[in-house]
């Protein structure tokens, strides 16, 4: 079992769990923070695919800019946190156990890593162009230009709609 294999499953399970947290959580701020965690774990999967540019863009654009806008909309609509959490809630206990399990799995995975890998350099040479800005620009602006612009327009409409809904309260 390789480190990439272990990290992929760690990131995949964490992505699925945090995405589930977006759906299940009743508190809008906790849901938005769960979405930020989903974006970060997805960026980790991109790093494992040697798409470092896409991973950085994932963190900067989605986890940074878009989620800041969503949190501003949540604050604009006056959707606050639920302050009735108890000190020992089940979610805190589950989170602590999951964190300890993740730490133990990572320690075990790092102990099993070989000292030097010989087959790694050949695959790196094959993937040098994967995830570069040039390749990303070619795909984004030649093949996927319309969906890219449609998503940006959809986000703009969502933000304007949230402001229009909140305007009578301001």
Protein backbone atom coordinates (compact mmCIF):
# COMPACT_ATOMS: atom_id res chain seq x y z
CA UNK A 1 0.00 0.00 0.00
CA UNK A 2 1.49 3.35 -1.05
CA UNK A 3 1.24 6.71 0.67
CA UNK A 4 -0.72 8.09 -2.28
CA UNK A 5 -3.27 5.31 -1.93
CA UNK A 6 -3.72 5.99 1.79
CA UNK A 7 -3.90 9.75 1.33
CA UNK A 8 -6.40 9.39 -1.49
CA UNK A 9 -8.76 7.41 0.71
CA UNK A 10 -8.24 9.81 3.61
CA UNK A 11 -9.08 12.79 1.38
CA UNK A 12 -11.94 10.96 -0.36
CA UNK A 13 -13.63 9.93 2.89
CA UNK A 14 -13.06 13.38 4.41
CA UNK A 15 -14.50 15.03 1.29
CA UNK A 16 -17.59 12.84 1.40
CA UNK A 17 -18.09 13.37 5.13
CA UNK A 18 -17.69 17.15 4.95
CA UNK A 19 -20.02 17.30 1.92
CA UNK A 20 -22.54 15.31 3.95
CA UNK A 21 -22.05 17.86 6.73
CA UNK A 22 -23.11 20.61 4.32
CA UNK A 23 -26.41 18.83 3.76
CA UNK A 24 -27.11 17.59 7.29
CA UNK A 25 -26.10 20.64 9.35
CA UNK A 26 -28.96 22.95 10.30
CA UNK A 27 -26.74 25.92 11.19
CA UNK A 28 -25.94 27.88 8.00
CA UNK A 29 -22.54 29.05 9.23
CA UNK A 30 -21.49 25.51 10.16
CA UNK A 31 -22.76 24.35 6.79
CA UNK A 32 -20.65 26.98 5.02
CA UNK A 33 -17.59 25.98 7.04
CA UNK A 34 -18.23 22.36 6.13
CA UNK A 35 -18.28 23.40 2.48
CA UNK A 36 -14.90 25.12 2.97
CA UNK A 37 -13.53 21.85 4.40
CA UNK A 38 -14.90 20.03 1.36
CA UNK A 39 -13.03 22.44 -0.91
CA UNK A 40 -9.78 21.91 1.00
CA UNK A 41 -10.04 18.11 0.90
CA UNK A 42 -10.82 18.27 -2.81
CA UNK A 43 -7.70 20.38 -3.28
CA UNK A 44 -5.75 17.61 -1.54
CA UNK A 45 -7.04 15.12 -4.10
CA UNK A 46 -5.92 17.48 -6.88
CA UNK A 47 -2.43 17.56 -5.36
CA UNK A 48 -2.35 13.76 -5.42
CA UNK A 49 -3.20 13.96 -9.13
CA UNK A 50 -0.20 16.28 -9.67
CA UNK A 51 -2.55 19.12 -10.58
CA UNK A 52 -1.00 21.64 -8.23
CA UNK A 53 -2.29 24.64 -10.17
CA UNK A 54 -5.86 23.39 -9.98
CA UNK A 55 -5.41 22.69 -6.26
CA UNK A 56 -4.17 26.21 -5.58
CA UNK A 57 -6.98 27.70 -7.64
CA UNK A 58 -9.47 25.51 -5.77
CA UNK A 59 -8.32 26.92 -2.46
CA UNK A 60 -7.95 30.54 -3.57
CA UNK A 61 -11.09 30.87 -5.67
CA UNK A 62 -13.60 28.59 -3.98
CA UNK A 63 -12.47 28.32 -0.38
CA UNK A 64 -11.27 31.91 -0.37
CA UNK A 65 -13.38 34.19 -2.52
CA UNK A 66 -16.65 32.33 -3.07
CA UNK A 67 -17.06 31.21 0.53
CA UNK A 68 -16.33 34.72 1.80
CA UNK A 69 -19.19 35.92 -0.39
CA UNK A 70 -21.47 33.17 0.93
CA UNK A 71 -20.61 34.05 4.53
CA UNK A 72 -21.33 37.73 3.82
CA UNK A 73 -24.73 36.74 2.44
CA UNK A 74 -25.41 34.62 5.53
CA UNK A 75 -24.46 37.54 7.77
CA UNK A 76 -26.51 39.93 5.62
CA UNK A 77 -29.56 37.73 6.06
CA UNK A 78 -28.89 37.67 9.85
CA UNK A 79 -28.65 33.90 10.07
CA UNK A 80 -26.62 33.47 13.23
CA UNK A 81 -25.09 30.57 15.01
CA UNK A 82 -27.10 28.40 17.34
CA UNK A 83 -25.66 29.10 20.80
CA UNK A 84 -27.49 26.26 22.53
CA UNK A 85 -24.68 23.70 22.02
CA UNK A 86 -23.86 21.67 25.07
CA UNK A 87 -20.31 21.15 26.24
CA UNK A 88 -20.17 17.44 25.35
CA UNK A 89 -22.24 17.23 22.19
CA UNK A 90 -22.14 14.05 20.07
CA UNK A 91 -20.65 15.91 17.11
CA UNK A 92 -17.69 17.08 19.19
CA UNK A 93 -17.08 13.55 20.43
CA UNK A 94 -17.34 12.11 16.91
CA UNK A 95 -15.01 14.86 15.62
CA UNK A 96 -12.43 14.11 18.30
CA UNK A 97 -12.53 10.36 17.64
CA UNK A 98 -12.30 10.94 13.88
CA UNK A 99 -9.31 13.27 14.35
CA UNK A 100 -7.51 10.75 16.54
CA UNK A 101 -8.24 7.97 14.02
CA UNK A 102 -6.96 10.09 11.15
CA UNK A 103 -3.78 10.90 13.06
CA UNK A 104 -3.21 7.22 13.85
CA UNK A 105 -3.78 6.22 10.21
CA UNK A 106 -1.36 8.87 8.99
CA UNK A 107 1.32 7.80 11.48
CA UNK A 108 0.94 4.16 10.39
CA UNK A 109 1.04 5.14 6.71
CA UNK A 110 4.18 7.23 7.14
CA UNK A 111 5.93 4.42 9.03
CA UNK A 112 5.35 2.07 6.10
CA UNK A 113 6.83 4.46 3.52
CA UNK A 114 9.96 3.14 1.78
CA UNK A 115 13.20 5.07 2.08
CA UNK A 116 13.60 5.70 -1.66
CA UNK A 117 11.24 5.08 -4.54
CA UNK A 118 12.73 4.04 -7.89
CA UNK A 119 9.62 3.91 -10.11
CA UNK A 120 8.46 7.38 -9.10
CA UNK A 121 10.65 9.42 -11.49
CA UNK A 122 9.25 7.78 -14.63
CA UNK A 123 5.68 8.72 -13.72
CA UNK A 124 6.72 12.29 -12.86
CA UNK A 125 8.15 12.74 -16.36
CA UNK A 126 4.87 11.62 -17.87
CA UNK A 127 2.84 14.06 -15.78
CA UNK A 128 4.95 17.23 -16.10
CA UNK A 129 2.41 19.08 -18.23
CA UNK A 130 -0.64 17.90 -16.28
CA UNK A 131 -2.23 20.67 -14.24
CA UNK A 132 -0.09 23.52 -15.58
CA UNK A 133 -1.51 26.97 -16.18
CA UNK A 134 -1.07 26.57 -19.94
CA UNK A 135 -3.03 23.34 -20.06
CA UNK A 136 -5.67 24.71 -17.68
CA UNK A 137 -6.13 27.81 -19.83
CA UNK A 138 -6.42 25.74 -23.01
CA UNK A 139 -9.09 23.50 -21.53
CA UNK A 140 -10.96 26.25 -19.68
CA UNK A 141 -11.11 28.85 -22.43
CA UNK A 142 -11.37 26.58 -25.47
CA UNK A 143 -13.37 23.53 -24.40
CA UNK A 144 -15.33 24.76 -21.35
CA UNK A 145 -15.80 28.50 -21.94
CA UNK A 146 -19.61 28.48 -21.96
CA UNK A 147 -20.05 26.40 -18.74
CA UNK A 148 -17.38 28.54 -17.03
CA UNK A 149 -19.23 31.75 -17.87
CA UNK A 150 -22.61 30.19 -17.01
CA UNK A 151 -21.40 29.27 -13.52
CA UNK A 152 -20.02 32.77 -12.94
CA UNK A 153 -23.35 34.27 -14.04
CA UNK A 154 -25.24 31.85 -11.77
CA UNK A 155 -23.13 32.90 -8.77
CA UNK A 156 -23.73 36.57 -9.57
CA UNK A 157 -27.50 36.01 -9.78
CA UNK A 158 -27.47 34.12 -6.46
CA UNK A 159 -25.66 36.94 -4.66
CA UNK A 160 -27.89 39.64 -6.17
CA UNK A 161 -30.97 37.59 -5.25
CA UNK A 162 -29.80 37.26 -1.65
CA UNK A 163 -29.24 41.01 -1.41
CA UNK A 164 -32.70 41.73 -2.89
CA UNK A 165 -34.32 39.35 -0.40
CA UNK A 166 -32.47 40.98 2.52
CA UNK A 167 -32.96 44.59 1.33
CA UNK A 168 -36.32 45.21 3.10
CA UNK A 169 -34.70 44.30 6.43
CA UNK A 170 -31.78 46.71 6.03
